[in-house]
């Protein structure tokens, strides 16, 4: 099993909306590195959901419900893919970016090193630590 982190601005698509809908297509990603990560996601991989822009916190856990398939929002451009995500549960408490940056064991995660990347892998140890920090 692999572990991931995805980012979304809560004013655009908050974790609470994923919980309400039960499943969503993670479409609209137009970054080549993020596309590689979407293609690497496997069914039932665990995904941390990060609120970017405002909030700046890991707020929930999701899982991959469907592996990469063509992103309909890209029109006829078949280079872009999406995955389906389903909620697992919200974290008991958000894990703010400041706390993540202050934790030496998380200094190398993409969220800290490559702030603009919207889909990124996590090592199991990093995932586990972020979940622990979230209660």
N, C-alpha and C. Protein backbone atom coordinates (compact mmCIF):
# COMPACT_ATOMS: atom_id res chain seq x y z
N UNK A 1 0.84 -1.19 0.00
CA UNK A 1 0.00 0.00 0.00
C UNK A 1 0.88 1.24 0.00
N UNK A 2 0.44 2.21 -0.80
CA UNK A 2 1.14 3.49 -0.86
C UNK A 2 0.35 4.53 -0.06
N UNK A 3 1.03 5.63 0.24
CA UNK A 3 0.42 6.72 1.00
C UNK A 3 0.65 8.03 0.26
N UNK A 4 -0.36 8.89 0.29
CA UNK A 4 -0.34 10.11 -0.51
C UNK A 4 -0.87 11.29 0.28
N UNK A 5 -0.67 12.47 -0.27
CA UNK A 5 -1.27 13.69 0.25
C UNK A 5 -1.80 14.46 -0.94
N UNK A 6 -3.04 14.92 -0.85
CA UNK A 6 -3.62 15.78 -1.88
C UNK A 6 -4.01 17.11 -1.23
N UNK A 7 -3.98 18.14 -2.04
CA UNK A 7 -4.29 19.49 -1.55
C UNK A 7 -5.50 20.05 -2.27
N UNK A 8 -6.33 20.76 -1.51
CA UNK A 8 -7.46 21.46 -2.09
C UNK A 8 -7.77 22.68 -1.24
N UNK A 9 -8.10 23.77 -1.90
CA UNK A 9 -8.53 24.95 -1.16
C UNK A 9 -9.92 24.68 -0.61
N UNK A 10 -10.13 24.90 0.68
CA UNK A 10 -11.44 24.60 1.27
C UNK A 10 -12.57 25.42 0.67
N UNK A 11 -12.27 26.57 0.09
CA UNK A 11 -13.33 27.35 -0.56
C UNK A 11 -13.73 26.73 -1.90
N UNK A 12 -12.90 25.86 -2.44
CA UNK A 12 -13.18 25.19 -3.71
C UNK A 12 -13.77 23.79 -3.46
N UNK A 13 -13.07 22.99 -2.66
CA UNK A 13 -13.54 21.63 -2.36
C UNK A 13 -13.00 21.22 -1.00
N UNK A 14 -13.77 21.43 0.06
CA UNK A 14 -13.32 21.06 1.41
C UNK A 14 -13.51 19.57 1.67
N UNK A 15 -12.80 19.07 2.65
CA UNK A 15 -12.93 17.67 3.05
C UNK A 15 -14.38 17.34 3.44
N UNK A 16 -15.05 18.30 4.07
CA UNK A 16 -16.45 18.07 4.46
C UNK A 16 -17.33 17.77 3.26
N UNK A 17 -17.01 18.33 2.10
CA UNK A 17 -17.79 18.05 0.89
C UNK A 17 -17.54 16.62 0.42
N UNK A 18 -16.30 16.16 0.53
CA UNK A 18 -15.99 14.77 0.18
C UNK A 18 -16.78 13.83 1.08
N UNK A 19 -16.82 14.14 2.37
CA UNK A 19 -17.59 13.32 3.31
C UNK A 19 -19.07 13.31 2.91
N UNK A 20 -19.60 14.48 2.57
CA UNK A 20 -21.01 14.59 2.20
C UNK A 20 -21.32 13.82 0.91
N UNK A 21 -20.43 13.93 -0.09
CA UNK A 21 -20.66 13.29 -1.38
C UNK A 21 -20.35 11.79 -1.36
N UNK A 22 -19.39 11.39 -0.53
CA UNK A 22 -19.02 9.98 -0.43
C UNK A 22 -17.98 9.52 -1.41
N UNK A 23 -17.82 10.24 -2.51
CA UNK A 23 -16.80 9.91 -3.51
C UNK A 23 -16.67 11.12 -4.43
N UNK A 24 -15.46 11.31 -4.96
CA UNK A 24 -15.26 12.39 -5.93
C UNK A 24 -14.17 11.99 -6.91
N UNK A 25 -14.24 12.56 -8.09
CA UNK A 25 -13.18 12.43 -9.07
C UNK A 25 -12.19 13.56 -8.82
N UNK A 26 -10.93 13.24 -8.61
CA UNK A 26 -9.91 14.24 -8.32
C UNK A 26 -9.39 14.80 -9.63
N UNK A 27 -10.25 15.53 -10.32
CA UNK A 27 -9.95 16.02 -11.66
C UNK A 27 -9.35 17.42 -11.64
N UNK A 28 -8.85 17.81 -12.79
CA UNK A 28 -8.34 19.16 -12.96
C UNK A 28 -6.87 19.34 -12.65
N UNK A 29 -6.17 18.26 -12.34
CA UNK A 29 -4.74 18.35 -12.03
C UNK A 29 -3.99 18.52 -13.35
N UNK A 30 -3.22 19.60 -13.45
CA UNK A 30 -2.50 19.89 -14.69
C UNK A 30 -1.02 20.13 -14.43
N UNK A 31 -0.43 19.28 -13.63
CA UNK A 31 1.00 19.35 -13.32
C UNK A 31 1.57 17.98 -13.65
N UNK A 32 2.69 17.94 -14.37
CA UNK A 32 3.24 16.67 -14.83
C UNK A 32 3.69 15.78 -13.67
N UNK A 33 4.30 16.34 -12.65
CA UNK A 33 4.72 15.53 -11.49
C UNK A 33 3.49 14.98 -10.76
N UNK A 34 2.49 15.81 -10.57
CA UNK A 34 1.26 15.36 -9.90
C UNK A 34 0.58 14.27 -10.74
N UNK A 35 0.62 14.40 -12.06
CA UNK A 35 0.04 13.38 -12.93
C UNK A 35 0.73 12.04 -12.74
N UNK A 36 2.05 12.05 -12.61
CA UNK A 36 2.79 10.81 -12.35
C UNK A 36 2.30 10.18 -11.04
N UNK A 37 2.07 11.01 -10.04
CA UNK A 37 1.60 10.49 -8.75
C UNK A 37 0.19 9.93 -8.86
N UNK A 38 -0.70 10.61 -9.60
CA UNK A 38 -2.04 10.09 -9.80
C UNK A 38 -1.99 8.72 -10.48
N UNK A 39 -1.11 8.58 -11.46
CA UNK A 39 -0.96 7.30 -12.15
C UNK A 39 -0.40 6.22 -11.23
N UNK A 40 0.31 6.62 -10.18
CA UNK A 40 0.88 5.67 -9.24
C UNK A 40 -0.07 5.21 -8.15
N UNK A 41 -1.21 5.88 -8.03
CA UNK A 41 -2.16 5.54 -6.97
C UNK A 41 -2.87 4.23 -7.28
N UNK A 42 -3.00 3.39 -6.27
CA UNK A 42 -3.68 2.10 -6.40
C UNK A 42 -4.92 2.08 -5.51
N UNK A 43 -5.90 1.29 -5.90
CA UNK A 43 -7.14 1.16 -5.14
C UNK A 43 -6.82 0.84 -3.68
N UNK A 44 -7.48 1.57 -2.79
CA UNK A 44 -7.36 1.45 -1.33
C UNK A 44 -6.10 2.08 -0.74
N UNK A 45 -5.24 2.71 -1.57
CA UNK A 45 -4.14 3.50 -1.00
C UNK A 45 -4.74 4.59 -0.11
N UNK A 46 -4.05 4.92 0.95
CA UNK A 46 -4.53 5.96 1.88
C UNK A 46 -4.00 7.32 1.48
N UNK A 47 -4.85 8.33 1.65
CA UNK A 47 -4.56 9.68 1.16
C UNK A 47 -4.90 10.69 2.27
N UNK A 48 -3.93 11.52 2.63
CA UNK A 48 -4.22 12.62 3.55
C UNK A 48 -4.74 13.80 2.75
N UNK A 49 -5.74 14.46 3.29
CA UNK A 49 -6.42 15.59 2.63
C UNK A 49 -5.96 16.87 3.32
N UNK A 50 -5.33 17.76 2.55
CA UNK A 50 -4.75 19.00 3.08
C UNK A 50 -5.54 20.19 2.55
N UNK A 51 -5.94 21.07 3.45
CA UNK A 51 -6.58 22.33 3.04
C UNK A 51 -5.48 23.35 2.77
N UNK A 52 -5.39 23.80 1.53
CA UNK A 52 -4.40 24.81 1.15
C UNK A 52 -5.07 26.17 1.05
N UNK A 53 -4.28 27.18 0.78
CA UNK A 53 -4.84 28.53 0.63
C UNK A 53 -5.26 29.13 1.95
N UNK A 54 -6.33 28.60 2.53
CA UNK A 54 -6.78 29.01 3.86
C UNK A 54 -6.86 27.75 4.71
N UNK A 55 -6.53 27.88 5.96
CA UNK A 55 -6.55 26.71 6.83
C UNK A 55 -5.18 26.07 6.95
N UNK A 56 -4.53 25.83 5.82
CA UNK A 56 -3.18 25.26 5.77
C UNK A 56 -2.98 24.14 6.78
N UNK A 57 -3.81 23.09 6.66
CA UNK A 57 -3.75 21.98 7.60
C UNK A 57 -4.18 20.68 6.94
N UNK A 58 -3.59 19.59 7.42
CA UNK A 58 -4.09 18.27 7.08
C UNK A 58 -5.34 18.06 7.92
N UNK A 59 -6.45 17.73 7.28
CA UNK A 59 -7.73 17.69 7.99
C UNK A 59 -8.44 16.34 7.95
N UNK A 60 -8.03 15.45 7.04
CA UNK A 60 -8.75 14.19 6.95
C UNK A 60 -8.00 13.11 6.21
N UNK A 61 -8.59 11.93 6.25
CA UNK A 61 -8.04 10.76 5.57
C UNK A 61 -9.06 10.29 4.54
N UNK A 62 -8.56 10.01 3.34
CA UNK A 62 -9.38 9.46 2.26
C UNK A 62 -8.67 8.20 1.75
N UNK A 63 -9.29 7.55 0.81
CA UNK A 63 -8.65 6.42 0.15
C UNK A 63 -8.96 6.46 -1.33
N UNK A 64 -8.12 5.80 -2.11
CA UNK A 64 -8.33 5.72 -3.54
C UNK A 64 -9.43 4.69 -3.79
N UNK A 65 -10.52 5.14 -4.40
CA UNK A 65 -11.65 4.27 -4.70
C UNK A 65 -11.57 3.71 -6.12
N UNK A 66 -10.91 4.46 -7.01
CA UNK A 66 -10.74 4.02 -8.40
C UNK A 66 -9.42 4.55 -8.91
N UNK A 67 -8.65 3.68 -9.55
CA UNK A 67 -7.34 4.06 -10.06
C UNK A 67 -7.46 4.97 -11.28
N UNK A 68 -6.35 5.50 -11.71
CA UNK A 68 -6.29 6.52 -12.77
C UNK A 68 -7.08 6.14 -14.02
N UNK A 69 -7.81 7.13 -14.51
CA UNK A 69 -8.57 7.01 -15.75
C UNK A 69 -8.60 8.41 -16.38
N UNK A 70 -8.97 8.52 -17.67
CA UNK A 70 -8.93 9.83 -18.34
C UNK A 70 -9.77 10.89 -17.63
N UNK A 71 -9.19 12.06 -17.51
CA UNK A 71 -9.85 13.19 -16.85
C UNK A 71 -10.77 13.88 -17.85
N UNK A 72 -12.07 13.77 -17.63
CA UNK A 72 -13.07 14.35 -18.53
C UNK A 72 -12.95 15.87 -18.62
N UNK A 73 -12.44 16.50 -17.56
CA UNK A 73 -12.32 17.96 -17.57
C UNK A 73 -11.22 18.45 -18.51
N UNK A 74 -10.42 17.53 -19.04
CA UNK A 74 -9.34 17.89 -19.96
C UNK A 74 -9.80 17.86 -21.41
N UNK A 75 -11.09 17.62 -21.64
CA UNK A 75 -11.59 17.57 -23.01
C UNK A 75 -10.98 16.42 -23.78
N UNK A 76 -10.43 16.71 -24.95
CA UNK A 76 -9.83 15.67 -25.79
C UNK A 76 -8.36 15.43 -25.49
N UNK A 77 -7.81 16.09 -24.49
CA UNK A 77 -6.40 15.94 -24.15
C UNK A 77 -6.24 14.74 -23.23
N UNK A 78 -5.86 13.60 -23.81
CA UNK A 78 -5.79 12.36 -23.05
C UNK A 78 -4.53 12.19 -22.20
N UNK A 79 -3.72 13.24 -22.12
CA UNK A 79 -2.53 13.16 -21.26
C UNK A 79 -2.89 13.22 -19.78
N UNK A 80 -4.06 13.76 -19.45
CA UNK A 80 -4.41 14.03 -18.05
C UNK A 80 -5.34 12.96 -17.49
N UNK A 81 -5.10 12.62 -16.23
CA UNK A 81 -5.87 11.56 -15.59
C UNK A 81 -6.45 12.06 -14.27
N UNK A 82 -7.39 11.30 -13.77
CA UNK A 82 -7.98 11.55 -12.46
C UNK A 82 -8.08 10.22 -11.73
N UNK A 83 -8.29 10.27 -10.44
CA UNK A 83 -8.61 9.10 -9.63
C UNK A 83 -9.87 9.44 -8.85
N UNK A 84 -10.57 8.43 -8.37
CA UNK A 84 -11.69 8.67 -7.48
C UNK A 84 -11.22 8.50 -6.04
N UNK A 85 -11.61 9.46 -5.21
CA UNK A 85 -11.29 9.40 -3.78
C UNK A 85 -12.57 9.26 -2.99
N UNK A 86 -12.49 8.52 -1.89
CA UNK A 86 -13.60 8.36 -0.96
C UNK A 86 -13.10 8.71 0.44
N UNK A 87 -13.94 9.30 1.27
CA UNK A 87 -13.50 9.67 2.62
C UNK A 87 -13.35 8.43 3.50
N UNK A 88 -12.40 8.52 4.41
CA UNK A 88 -12.25 7.50 5.46
C UNK A 88 -12.74 8.10 6.77
N UNK A 89 -12.09 9.22 7.17
CA UNK A 89 -12.53 9.92 8.38
C UNK A 89 -11.79 11.25 8.50
N UNK A 90 -12.40 12.20 9.18
CA UNK A 90 -11.68 13.44 9.47
C UNK A 90 -10.69 13.17 10.60
N UNK A 91 -9.63 13.96 10.65
CA UNK A 91 -8.72 13.88 11.79
C UNK A 91 -9.40 14.52 13.00
N UNK A 92 -9.06 14.07 14.18
CA UNK A 92 -9.66 14.64 15.40
C UNK A 92 -9.31 16.11 15.54
N UNK A 93 -8.09 16.45 15.12
CA UNK A 93 -7.67 17.85 15.11
C UNK A 93 -6.83 18.10 13.87
N UNK A 94 -7.01 19.25 13.23
CA UNK A 94 -6.19 19.57 12.06
C UNK A 94 -4.70 19.63 12.42
N UNK A 95 -3.87 19.26 11.47
CA UNK A 95 -2.42 19.33 11.66
C UNK A 95 -1.93 20.51 10.82
N UNK A 96 -1.65 21.65 11.48
CA UNK A 96 -1.27 22.85 10.73
C UNK A 96 0.12 22.76 10.10
N UNK A 97 0.28 23.49 9.01
CA UNK A 97 1.56 23.51 8.31
C UNK A 97 2.70 23.90 9.24
N UNK A 98 2.47 24.83 10.15
CA UNK A 98 3.53 25.24 11.09
C UNK A 98 4.03 24.05 11.90
N UNK A 99 3.12 23.20 12.36
CA UNK A 99 3.50 22.02 13.14
C UNK A 99 4.25 21.02 12.27
N UNK A 100 3.82 20.91 11.02
CA UNK A 100 4.49 19.99 10.09
C UNK A 100 5.92 20.47 9.84
N UNK A 101 6.08 21.76 9.59
CA UNK A 101 7.42 22.31 9.36
C UNK A 101 8.31 22.23 10.60
N UNK A 102 7.71 22.25 11.78
CA UNK A 102 8.47 22.20 13.02
C UNK A 102 8.91 20.78 13.38
N UNK A 103 8.35 19.78 12.72
CA UNK A 103 8.68 18.38 13.02
C UNK A 103 9.85 17.93 12.15
N UNK A 104 11.02 17.68 12.74
CA UNK A 104 12.20 17.30 11.95
C UNK A 104 11.99 16.06 11.08
N UNK A 105 11.18 15.14 11.52
CA UNK A 105 10.96 13.91 10.74
C UNK A 105 10.14 14.17 9.47
N UNK A 106 9.57 15.37 9.34
CA UNK A 106 8.77 15.70 8.16
C UNK A 106 9.44 16.73 7.27
N UNK A 107 10.70 17.03 7.50
CA UNK A 107 11.39 18.09 6.77
C UNK A 107 11.54 17.79 5.27
N UNK A 108 11.46 16.53 4.89
CA UNK A 108 11.67 16.18 3.49
C UNK A 108 10.39 15.89 2.71
N UNK A 109 9.21 16.05 3.33
CA UNK A 109 7.99 15.75 2.58
C UNK A 109 7.74 16.84 1.54
N UNK A 110 7.04 16.46 0.48
CA UNK A 110 6.77 17.39 -0.61
C UNK A 110 6.04 18.63 -0.17
N UNK A 111 5.17 18.51 0.81
CA UNK A 111 4.41 19.66 1.30
C UNK A 111 5.33 20.77 1.79
N UNK A 112 6.46 20.38 2.35
CA UNK A 112 7.43 21.35 2.86
C UNK A 112 8.41 21.78 1.76
N UNK A 113 8.86 20.84 0.96
CA UNK A 113 9.88 21.11 -0.05
C UNK A 113 9.32 21.70 -1.35
N UNK A 114 8.14 21.22 -1.79
CA UNK A 114 7.57 21.63 -3.08
C UNK A 114 6.15 22.10 -2.82
N UNK A 115 6.01 23.28 -2.29
CA UNK A 115 4.73 23.76 -1.81
C UNK A 115 3.61 23.82 -2.82
N UNK A 116 3.92 23.93 -4.11
CA UNK A 116 2.86 24.09 -5.12
C UNK A 116 2.33 22.76 -5.66
N UNK A 117 2.98 21.67 -5.35
CA UNK A 117 2.57 20.37 -5.85
C UNK A 117 1.27 19.93 -5.17
N UNK A 118 0.27 19.54 -5.95
CA UNK A 118 -1.06 19.25 -5.39
C UNK A 118 -1.31 17.79 -5.06
N UNK A 119 -0.48 16.90 -5.57
CA UNK A 119 -0.58 15.47 -5.28
C UNK A 119 0.83 14.97 -5.06
N UNK A 120 1.07 14.33 -3.90
CA UNK A 120 2.43 13.91 -3.60
C UNK A 120 2.45 12.63 -2.79
N UNK A 121 3.51 11.84 -2.96
CA UNK A 121 3.63 10.62 -2.17
C UNK A 121 4.14 10.93 -0.76
N UNK A 122 3.82 10.04 0.15
CA UNK A 122 4.36 10.09 1.51
C UNK A 122 4.93 8.73 1.84
N UNK A 123 5.99 8.71 2.61
CA UNK A 123 6.47 7.44 3.15
C UNK A 123 5.49 7.02 4.24
N UNK A 124 5.40 5.72 4.49
CA UNK A 124 4.49 5.22 5.50
C UNK A 124 4.76 5.88 6.85
N UNK A 125 6.02 6.07 7.19
CA UNK A 125 6.38 6.69 8.47
C UNK A 125 5.88 8.13 8.55
N UNK A 126 5.96 8.85 7.44
CA UNK A 126 5.48 10.23 7.40
C UNK A 126 3.96 10.27 7.54
N UNK A 127 3.29 9.40 6.80
CA UNK A 127 1.83 9.30 6.89
C UNK A 127 1.42 8.99 8.33
N UNK A 128 2.04 7.97 8.91
CA UNK A 128 1.70 7.55 10.27
C UNK A 128 1.91 8.70 11.29
N UNK A 129 3.00 9.43 11.12
CA UNK A 129 3.28 10.54 12.04
C UNK A 129 2.24 11.65 11.89
N UNK A 130 1.88 11.98 10.66
CA UNK A 130 0.86 13.02 10.45
C UNK A 130 -0.49 12.59 11.04
N UNK A 131 -0.86 11.34 10.89
CA UNK A 131 -2.11 10.85 11.47
C UNK A 131 -2.03 10.91 12.98
N UNK A 132 -0.90 10.53 13.54
CA UNK A 132 -0.72 10.61 15.01
C UNK A 132 -0.84 12.06 15.50
N UNK A 133 -0.24 12.98 14.75
CA UNK A 133 -0.31 14.39 15.12
C UNK A 133 -1.75 14.90 15.08
N UNK A 134 -2.59 14.27 14.23
CA UNK A 134 -3.98 14.66 14.11
C UNK A 134 -4.90 13.99 15.12
N UNK A 135 -4.29 13.27 16.06
CA UNK A 135 -5.10 12.66 17.14
C UNK A 135 -5.63 11.32 16.76
